[in-house]
Amino acid sequence: MKILEEFWYGNIEPTDYDTSSCKEYKKFLELICSNEEKLQATFTDEQKELFFRYVDCVREFQTMADCLLFQHSFKLGARMMLEVMEE
């Protein structure tokens, strides 16, 4: 039960994952950042404010979506383990 103990003491963060080995992830992150910088350079102050509010909403939505995905995946994994244990 070491993993549960590590999780309990906060040594495991379920939302952390290593992306360093995924070249596509890095490529798209760089593209997003580059395009965002170019886009912001063209904004008026009012457009910047609107864009920042939009980005905040998207981040909140993504956080909720990630949480729901984590919950679903965890439950699916638990159901798989139960099925394996029944056989």
PDB file of N, CA and C in Angstrom:
ATOM      1  N   MET A   1       0.809  -1.200   0.000  1.00  0.00           N
ATOM      2  CA  MET A   1       0.000   0.000   0.000  1.00  0.00           C
ATOM      3  C   MET A   1       0.851   1.262   0.000  1.00  0.00           C
ATOM      4  N   LYS A   2       2.041   1.151  -0.448  1.00  0.00           N
ATOM      5  CA  LYS A   2       2.933   2.306  -0.466  1.00  0.00           C
ATOM      6  C   LYS A   2       2.364   3.446  -1.308  1.00  0.00           C
ATOM      7  N   ILE A   3       1.760   3.140  -2.437  1.00  0.00           N
ATOM      8  CA  ILE A   3       1.258   4.203  -3.302  1.00  0.00           C
ATOM      9  C   ILE A   3       0.140   4.992  -2.623  1.00  0.00           C
ATOM     10  N   LEU A   4      -0.736   4.314  -1.874  1.00  0.00           N
ATOM     11  CA  LEU A   4      -1.795   5.025  -1.163  1.00  0.00           C
ATOM     12  C   LEU A   4      -1.216   5.912  -0.063  1.00  0.00           C
ATOM     13  N   GLU A   5      -0.190   5.430   0.589  1.00  0.00           N
ATOM     14  CA  GLU A   5       0.477   6.232   1.624  1.00  0.00           C
ATOM     15  C   GLU A   5       1.139   7.464   1.004  1.00  0.00           C
ATOM     16  N   GLU A   6       1.806   7.285  -0.111  1.00  0.00           N
ATOM     17  CA  GLU A   6       2.437   8.410  -0.806  1.00  0.00           C
ATOM     18  C   GLU A   6       1.386   9.427  -1.252  1.00  0.00           C
ATOM     19  N   PHE A   7       0.261   8.924  -1.727  1.00  0.00           N
ATOM     20  CA  PHE A   7      -0.836   9.791  -2.157  1.00  0.00           C
ATOM     21  C   PHE A   7      -1.399  10.554  -0.954  1.00  0.00           C
ATOM     22  N   TRP A   8      -1.606   9.855   0.149  1.00  0.00           N
ATOM     23  CA  TRP A   8      -2.145  10.465   1.363  1.00  0.00           C
ATOM     24  C   TRP A   8      -1.268  11.608   1.861  1.00  0.00           C
ATOM     25  N   TYR A   9       0.034  11.410   1.850  1.00  0.00           N
ATOM     26  CA  TYR A   9       0.948  12.425   2.354  1.00  0.00           C
ATOM     27  C   TYR A   9       1.277  13.508   1.330  1.00  0.00           C
ATOM     28  N   GLY A  10       0.614  13.474   0.198  1.00  0.00           N
ATOM     29  CA  GLY A  10       0.778  14.538  -0.787  1.00  0.00           C
ATOM     30  C   GLY A  10       2.024  14.426  -1.638  1.00  0.00           C
ATOM     31  N   ASN A  11       2.641  13.253  -1.651  1.00  0.00           N
ATOM     32  CA  ASN A  11       3.851  13.057  -2.444  1.00  0.00           C
ATOM     33  C   ASN A  11       3.543  12.689  -3.895  1.00  0.00           C
ATOM     34  N   ILE A  12       2.301  12.418  -4.177  1.00  0.00           N
ATOM     35  CA  ILE A  12       1.864  12.106  -5.542  1.00  0.00           C
ATOM     36  C   ILE A  12       0.818  13.144  -5.935  1.00  0.00           C
ATOM     37  N   GLU A  13       1.064  13.815  -7.029  1.00  0.00           N
ATOM     38  CA  GLU A  13       0.117  14.799  -7.543  1.00  0.00           C
ATOM     39  C   GLU A  13      -0.493  14.223  -8.816  1.00  0.00           C
ATOM     40  N   PRO A  14      -1.776  13.833  -8.765  1.00  0.00           N
ATOM     41  CA  PRO A  14      -2.381  13.155  -9.917  1.00  0.00           C
ATOM     42  C   PRO A  14      -2.451  13.986 -11.181  1.00  0.00           C
ATOM     43  N   THR A  15      -2.320  15.311 -11.063  1.00  0.00           N
ATOM     44  CA  THR A  15      -2.397  16.141 -12.258  1.00  0.00           C
ATOM     45  C   THR A  15      -1.032  16.394 -12.882  1.00  0.00           C
ATOM     46  N   ASP A  16       0.030  15.926 -12.242  1.00  0.00           N
ATOM     47  CA  ASP A  16       1.372  16.079 -12.806  1.00  0.00           C
ATOM     48  C   ASP A  16       1.689  14.893 -13.709  1.00  0.00           C
ATOM     49  N   TYR A  17       2.212  15.178 -14.857  1.00  0.00           N
ATOM     50  CA  TYR A  17       2.659  14.125 -15.748  1.00  0.00           C
ATOM     51  C   TYR A  17       3.800  14.665 -16.598  1.00  0.00           C
ATOM     52  N   ASP A  18       4.656  13.762 -16.993  1.00  0.00           N
ATOM     53  CA  ASP A  18       5.852  14.129 -17.738  1.00  0.00           C
ATOM     54  C   ASP A  18       5.529  14.265 -19.222  1.00  0.00           C
ATOM     55  N   THR A  19       5.777  15.449 -19.759  1.00  0.00           N
ATOM     56  CA  THR A  19       5.524  15.686 -21.185  1.00  0.00           C
ATOM     57  C   THR A  19       6.822  15.807 -21.977  1.00  0.00           C
ATOM     58  N   SER A  20       7.948  15.654 -21.298  1.00  0.00           N
ATOM     59  CA  SER A  20       9.235  15.888 -21.949  1.00  0.00           C
ATOM     60  C   SER A  20       9.515  14.910 -23.091  1.00  0.00           C
ATOM     61  N   SER A  21       8.948  13.710 -23.029  1.00  0.00           N
ATOM     62  CA  SER A  21       9.219  12.731 -24.077  1.00  0.00           C
ATOM     63  C   SER A  21       8.268  12.858 -25.268  1.00  0.00           C
ATOM     64  N   CYS A  22       7.288  13.731 -25.168  1.00  0.00           N
ATOM     65  CA  CYS A  22       6.309  13.892 -26.247  1.00  0.00           C
ATOM     66  C   CYS A  22       6.667  15.120 -27.083  1.00  0.00           C
ATOM     67  N   LYS A  23       7.267  14.880 -28.233  1.00  0.00           N
ATOM     68  CA  LYS A  23       7.698  15.972 -29.102  1.00  0.00           C
ATOM     69  C   LYS A  23       6.506  16.771 -29.639  1.00  0.00           C
ATOM     70  N   GLU A  24       5.391  16.101 -29.914  1.00  0.00           N
ATOM     71  CA  GLU A  24       4.216  16.787 -30.435  1.00  0.00           C
ATOM     72  C   GLU A  24       3.673  17.768 -29.402  1.00  0.00           C
ATOM     73  N   TYR A  25       3.687  17.385 -28.138  1.00  0.00           N
ATOM     74  CA  TYR A  25       3.206  18.253 -27.065  1.00  0.00           C
ATOM     75  C   TYR A  25       4.033  19.535 -27.038  1.00  0.00           C
ATOM     76  N   LYS A  26       5.345  19.380 -27.050  1.00  0.00           N
ATOM     77  CA  LYS A  26       6.242  20.532 -27.009  1.00  0.00           C
ATOM     78  C   LYS A  26       6.033  21.424 -28.234  1.00  0.00           C
ATOM     79  N   LYS A  27       5.877  20.804 -29.402  1.00  0.00           N
ATOM     80  CA  LYS A  27       5.686  21.550 -30.642  1.00  0.00           C
ATOM     81  C   LYS A  27       4.415  22.393 -30.579  1.00  0.00           C
ATOM     82  N   PHE A  28       3.313  21.792 -30.128  1.00  0.00           N
ATOM     83  CA  PHE A  28       2.055  22.522 -30.067  1.00  0.00           C
ATOM     84  C   PHE A  28       2.072  23.598 -28.985  1.00  0.00           C
ATOM     85  N   LEU A  29       2.736  23.336 -27.878  1.00  0.00           N
ATOM     86  CA  LEU A  29       2.839  24.349 -26.835  1.00  0.00           C
ATOM     87  C   LEU A  29       3.598  25.570 -27.342  1.00  0.00           C
ATOM     88  N   GLU A  30       4.699  25.335 -28.055  1.00  0.00           N
ATOM     89  CA  GLU A  30       5.456  26.447 -28.634  1.00  0.00           C
ATOM     90  C   GLU A  30       4.624  27.210 -29.656  1.00  0.00           C
ATOM     91  N   LEU A  31       3.866  26.501 -30.454  1.00  0.00           N
ATOM     92  CA  LEU A  31       3.005  27.119 -31.464  1.00  0.00           C
ATOM     93  C   LEU A  31       1.911  27.963 -30.806  1.00  0.00           C
ATOM     94  N   ILE A  32       1.310  27.436 -29.764  1.00  0.00           N
ATOM     95  CA  ILE A  32       0.278  28.187 -29.039  1.00  0.00           C
ATOM     96  C   ILE A  32       0.860  29.476 -28.480  1.00  0.00           C
ATOM     97  N   CYS A  33       2.012  29.369 -27.821  1.00  0.00           N
ATOM     98  CA  CYS A  33       2.636  30.555 -27.222  1.00  0.00           C
ATOM     99  C   CYS A  33       3.018  31.586 -28.281  1.00  0.00           C
ATOM    100  N   SER A  34       3.588  31.135 -29.379  1.00  0.00           N
ATOM    101  CA  SER A  34       3.991  32.030 -30.451  1.00  0.00           C
ATOM    102  C   SER A  34       2.786  32.748 -31.054  1.00  0.00           C
ATOM    103  N   ASN A  35       1.740  31.988 -31.331  1.00  0.00           N
ATOM    104  CA  ASN A  35       0.537  32.588 -31.919  1.00  0.00           C
ATOM    105  C   ASN A  35      -0.146  33.548 -30.946  1.00  0.00           C
ATOM    106  N   GLU A  36      -0.128  33.206 -29.663  1.00  0.00           N
ATOM    107  CA  GLU A  36      -0.733  34.100 -28.672  1.00  0.00           C
ATOM    108  C   GLU A  36       0.020  35.424 -28.605  1.00  0.00           C
ATOM    109  N   GLU A  37       1.336  35.367 -28.626  1.00  0.00           N
ATOM    110  CA  GLU A  37       2.142  36.595 -28.601  1.00  0.00           C
ATOM    111  C   GLU A  37       1.857  37.467 -29.826  1.00  0.00           C
ATOM    112  N   LYS A  38       1.793  36.837 -30.995  1.00  0.00           N
ATOM    113  CA  LYS A  38       1.512  37.589 -32.221  1.00  0.00           C
ATOM    114  C   LYS A  38       0.120  38.203 -32.181  1.00  0.00           C
ATOM    115  N   LEU A  39      -0.832  37.448 -31.691  1.00  0.00           N
ATOM    116  CA  LEU A  39      -2.203  37.929 -31.606  1.00  0.00           C
ATOM    117  C   LEU A  39      -2.304  39.103 -30.641  1.00  0.00           C
ATOM    118  N   GLN A  40      -1.699  38.983 -29.465  1.00  0.00           N
ATOM    119  CA  GLN A  40      -1.767  40.051 -28.466  1.00  0.00           C
ATOM    120  C   GLN A  40      -1.112  41.343 -28.955  1.00  0.00           C
ATOM    121  N   ALA A  41      -0.116  41.216 -29.783  1.00  0.00           N
ATOM    122  CA  ALA A  41       0.567  42.408 -30.305  1.00  0.00           C
ATOM    123  C   ALA A  41      -0.349  43.261 -31.169  1.00  0.00           C
ATOM    124  N   THR A  42      -1.419  42.672 -31.665  1.00  0.00           N
ATOM    125  CA  THR A  42      -2.344  43.407 -32.532  1.00  0.00           C
ATOM    126  C   THR A  42      -3.552  43.962 -31.783  1.00  0.00           C
ATOM    127  N   PHE A  43      -3.683  43.630 -30.496  1.00  0.00           N
ATOM    128  CA  PHE A  43      -4.869  43.996 -29.724  1.00  0.00           C
ATOM    129  C   PHE A  43      -4.838  45.429 -29.219  1.00  0.00           C
ATOM    130  N   THR A  44      -6.024  46.010 -29.159  1.00  0.00           N
ATOM    131  CA  THR A  44      -6.211  47.253 -28.408  1.00  0.00           C
ATOM    132  C   THR A  44      -6.308  46.864 -26.929  1.00  0.00           C
ATOM    133  N   ASP A  45      -6.306  47.841 -26.047  1.00  0.00           N
ATOM    134  CA  ASP A  45      -6.430  47.552 -24.613  1.00  0.00           C
ATOM    135  C   ASP A  45      -7.743  46.827 -24.301  1.00  0.00           C
ATOM    136  N   GLU A  46      -8.803  47.248 -24.938  1.00  0.00           N
ATOM    137  CA  GLU A  46     -10.107  46.617 -24.723  1.00  0.00           C
ATOM    138  C   GLU A  46     -10.103  45.170 -25.207  1.00  0.00           C
ATOM    139  N   GLN A  47      -9.477  44.918 -26.345  1.00  0.00           N
ATOM    140  CA  GLN A  47      -9.392  43.560 -26.869  1.00  0.00           C
ATOM    141  C   GLN A  47      -8.514  42.675 -25.976  1.00  0.00           C
ATOM    142  N   LYS A  48      -7.448  43.242 -25.426  1.00  0.00           N
ATOM    143  CA  LYS A  48      -6.591  42.481 -24.502  1.00  0.00           C
ATOM    144  C   LYS A  48      -7.379  42.040 -23.277  1.00  0.00           C
ATOM    145  N   GLU A  49      -8.172  42.964 -22.724  1.00  0.00           N
ATOM    146  CA  GLU A  49      -8.974  42.634 -21.547  1.00  0.00           C
ATOM    147  C   GLU A  49      -9.965  41.512 -21.867  1.00  0.00           C
ATOM    148  N   LEU A  50     -10.625  41.621 -22.995  1.00  0.00           N
ATOM    149  CA  LEU A  50     -11.569  40.586 -23.422  1.00  0.00           C
ATOM    150  C   LEU A  50     -10.847  39.250 -23.625  1.00  0.00           C
ATOM    151  N   PHE A  51      -9.692  39.288 -24.255  1.00  0.00           N
ATOM    152  CA  PHE A  51      -8.924  38.065 -24.497  1.00  0.00           C
ATOM    153  C   PHE A  51      -8.499  37.413 -23.183  1.00  0.00           C
ATOM    154  N   PHE A  52      -8.039  38.216 -22.209  1.00  0.00           N
ATOM    155  CA  PHE A  52      -7.618  37.664 -20.925  1.00  0.00           C
ATOM    156  C   PHE A  52      -8.793  37.031 -20.192  1.00  0.00           C
ATOM    157  N   ARG A  53      -9.966  37.645 -20.283  1.00  0.00           N
ATOM    158  CA  ARG A  53     -11.153  37.045 -19.669  1.00  0.00           C
ATOM    159  C   ARG A  53     -11.497  35.723 -20.361  1.00  0.00           C
ATOM    160  N   TYR A  54     -11.376  35.704 -21.679  1.00  0.00           N
ATOM    161  CA  TYR A  54     -11.612  34.477 -22.447  1.00  0.00           C
ATOM    162  C   TYR A  54     -10.633  33.381 -22.022  1.00  0.00           C
ATOM    163  N   VAL A  55      -9.355  33.723 -21.937  1.00  0.00           N
ATOM    164  CA  VAL A  55      -8.332  32.740 -21.558  1.00  0.00           C
ATOM    165  C   VAL A  55      -8.599  32.208 -20.153  1.00  0.00           C
ATOM    166  N   ASP A  56      -8.996  33.075 -19.227  1.00  0.00           N
ATOM    167  CA  ASP A  56      -9.318  32.628 -17.868  1.00  0.00           C
ATOM    168  C   ASP A  56     -10.460  31.617 -17.879  1.00  0.00           C
ATOM    169  N   CYS A  57     -11.496  31.894 -18.675  1.00  0.00           N
ATOM    170  CA  CYS A  57     -12.627  30.967 -18.774  1.00  0.00           C
ATOM    171  C   CYS A  57     -12.200  29.626 -19.372  1.00  0.00           C
ATOM    172  N   VAL A  58     -11.392  29.681 -20.398  1.00  0.00           N
ATOM    173  CA  VAL A  58     -10.919  28.451 -21.034  1.00  0.00           C
ATOM    174  C   VAL A  58     -10.090  27.629 -20.036  1.00  0.00           C
ATOM    175  N   ARG A  59      -9.248  28.286 -19.260  1.00  0.00           N
ATOM    176  CA  ARG A  59      -8.438  27.572 -18.259  1.00  0.00           C
ATOM    177  C   ARG A  59      -9.323  26.928 -17.191  1.00  0.00           C
ATOM    178  N   GLU A  60     -10.330  27.649 -16.725  1.00  0.00           N
ATOM    179  CA  GLU A  60     -11.255  27.089 -15.736  1.00  0.00           C
ATOM    180  C   GLU A  60     -11.972  25.877 -16.312  1.00  0.00           C
ATOM    181  N   PHE A  61     -12.448  26.010 -17.549  1.00  0.00           N
ATOM    182  CA  PHE A  61     -13.129  24.906 -18.215  1.00  0.00           C
ATOM    183  C   PHE A  61     -12.197  23.704 -18.354  1.00  0.00           C
ATOM    184  N   GLN A  62     -10.952  23.951 -18.766  1.00  0.00           N
ATOM    185  CA  GLN A  62      -9.998  22.870 -18.953  1.00  0.00           C
ATOM    186  C   GLN A  62      -9.693  22.175 -17.630  1.00  0.00           C
ATOM    187  N   THR A  63      -9.603  22.941 -16.556  1.00  0.00           N
ATOM    188  CA  THR A  63      -9.363  22.352 -15.240  1.00  0.00           C
ATOM    189  C   THR A  63     -10.516  21.430 -14.851  1.00  0.00           C
ATOM    190  N   MET A  64     -11.752  21.882 -15.076  1.00  0.00           N
ATOM    191  CA  MET A  64     -12.911  21.037 -14.776  1.00  0.00           C
ATOM    192  C   MET A  64     -12.925  19.793 -15.655  1.00  0.00           C
ATOM    193  N   ALA A  65     -12.627  19.967 -16.927  1.00  0.00           N
ATOM    194  CA  ALA A  65     -12.609  18.830 -17.849  1.00  0.00           C
ATOM    195  C   ALA A  65     -11.530  17.829 -17.447  1.00  0.00           C
ATOM    196  N   ASP A  66     -10.358  18.317 -17.054  1.00  0.00           N
ATOM    197  CA  ASP A  66      -9.280  17.429 -16.609  1.00  0.00           C
ATOM    198  C   ASP A  66      -9.687  16.649 -15.367  1.00  0.00           C
ATOM    199  N   CYS A  67     -10.369  17.323 -14.449  1.00  0.00           N
ATOM    200  CA  CYS A  67     -10.833  16.668 -13.223  1.00  0.00           C
ATOM    201  C   CYS A  67     -11.839  15.566 -13.546  1.00  0.00           C
ATOM    202  N   LEU A  68     -12.786  15.867 -14.419  1.00  0.00           N
ATOM    203  CA  LEU A  68     -13.772  14.860 -14.806  1.00  0.00           C
ATOM    204  C   LEU A  68     -13.116  13.680 -15.515  1.00  0.00           C
ATOM    205  N   LEU A  69     -12.157  13.967 -16.371  1.00  0.00           N
ATOM    206  CA  LEU A  69     -11.439  12.904 -17.065  1.00  0.00           C
ATOM    207  C   LEU A  69     -10.664  12.037 -16.076  1.00  0.00           C
ATOM    208  N   PHE A  70     -10.016  12.657 -15.108  1.00  0.00           N
ATOM    209  CA  PHE A  70      -9.278  11.924 -14.076  1.00  0.00           C
ATOM    210  C   PHE A  70     -10.229  11.005 -13.306  1.00  0.00           C
ATOM    211  N   GLN A  71     -11.375  11.550 -12.895  1.00  0.00           N
ATOM    212  CA  GLN A  71     -12.333  10.747 -12.142  1.00  0.00           C
ATOM    213  C   GLN A  71     -12.820   9.555 -12.959  1.00  0.00           C
ATOM    214  N   HIS A  72     -13.182   9.812 -14.206  1.00  0.00           N
ATOM    215  CA  HIS A  72     -13.662   8.738 -15.076  1.00  0.00           C
ATOM    216  C   HIS A  72     -12.577   7.679 -15.279  1.00  0.00           C
ATOM    217  N   SER A  73     -11.367   8.118 -15.544  1.00  0.00           N
ATOM    218  CA  SER A  73     -10.268   7.178 -15.786  1.00  0.00           C
ATOM    219  C   SER A  73      -9.956   6.360 -14.541  1.00  0.00           C
ATOM    220  N   PHE A  74      -9.987   7.005 -13.385  1.00  0.00           N
ATOM    221  CA  PHE A  74      -9.726   6.295 -12.135  1.00  0.00           C
ATOM    222  C   PHE A  74     -10.786   5.225 -11.904  1.00  0.00           C
ATOM    223  N   LYS A  75     -12.050   5.591 -12.107  1.00  0.00           N
ATOM    224  CA  LYS A  75     -13.139   4.629 -11.934  1.00  0.00           C
ATOM    225  C   LYS A  75     -13.021   3.481 -12.924  1.00  0.00           C
ATOM    226  N   LEU A  76     -12.675   3.784 -14.154  1.00  0.00           N
ATOM    227  CA  LEU A  76     -12.502   2.744 -15.166  1.00  0.00           C
ATOM    228  C   LEU A  76     -11.386   1.787 -14.761  1.00  0.00           C
ATOM    229  N   GLY A  77     -10.268   2.347 -14.294  1.00  0.00           N
ATOM    230  CA  GLY A  77      -9.165   1.503 -13.841  1.00  0.00           C
ATOM    231  C   GLY A  77      -9.562   0.630 -12.663  1.00  0.00           C
ATOM    232  N   ALA A  78     -10.332   1.190 -11.741  1.00  0.00           N
ATOM    233  CA  ALA A  78     -10.796   0.418 -10.588  1.00  0.00           C
ATOM    234  C   ALA A  78     -11.730  -0.711 -11.032  1.00  0.00           C
ATOM    235  N   ARG A  79     -12.620  -0.414 -11.974  1.00  0.00           N
ATOM    236  CA  ARG A  79     -13.513  -1.468 -12.477  1.00  0.00           C
ATOM    237  C   ARG A  79     -12.719  -2.575 -13.172  1.00  0.00           C
ATOM    238  N   MET A  80     -11.678  -2.195 -13.899  1.00  0.00           N
ATOM    239  CA  MET A  80     -10.825  -3.203 -14.546  1.00  0.00           C
ATOM    240  C   MET A  80     -10.168  -4.086 -13.491  1.00  0.00           C
ATOM    241  N   MET A  81      -9.666  -3.470 -12.433  1.00  0.00           N
ATOM    242  CA  MET A  81      -9.010  -4.253 -11.379  1.00  0.00           C
ATOM    243  C   MET A  81     -10.009  -5.196 -10.696  1.00  0.00           C
ATOM    244  N   LEU A  82     -11.235  -4.724 -10.463  1.00  0.00           N
ATOM    245  CA  LEU A  82     -12.255  -5.590  -9.878  1.00  0.00           C
ATOM    246  C   LEU A  82     -12.544  -6.781 -10.771  1.00  0.00           C
ATOM    247  N   GLU A  83     -12.635  -6.534 -12.062  1.00  0.00           N
ATOM    248  CA  GLU A  83     -12.906  -7.612 -13.007  1.00  0.00           C
ATOM    249  C   GLU A  83     -11.754  -8.616 -13.034  1.00  0.00           C
ATOM    250  N   VAL A  84     -10.540  -8.126 -12.992  1.00  0.00           N
ATOM    251  CA  VAL A  84      -9.378  -9.016 -12.979  1.00  0.00           C
ATOM    252  C   VAL A  84      -9.389  -9.877 -11.703  1.00  0.00           C
ATOM    253  N   MET A  85      -9.748  -9.262 -10.585  1.00  0.00           N
ATOM    254  CA  MET A  85      -9.751  -9.980  -9.313  1.00  0.00           C
ATOM    255  C   MET A  85     -10.855 -11.027  -9.251  1.00  0.00           C
ATOM    256  N   GLU A  86     -11.940 -10.851 -10.010  1.00  0.00           N
ATOM    257  CA  GLU A  86     -13.051 -11.802 -10.007  1.00  0.00           C
ATOM    258  C   GLU A  86     -12.705 -13.074 -10.754  1.00  0.00           C
ATOM    259  N   GLU A  87     -11.820 -13.002 -11.716  1.00  0.00           N
ATOM    260  CA  GLU A  87     -11.522 -14.179 -12.558  1.00  0.00           C
ATOM    261  C   GLU A  87     -10.595 -15.143 -11.876  1.00  0.00           C
TER     262      GLU A  87
END
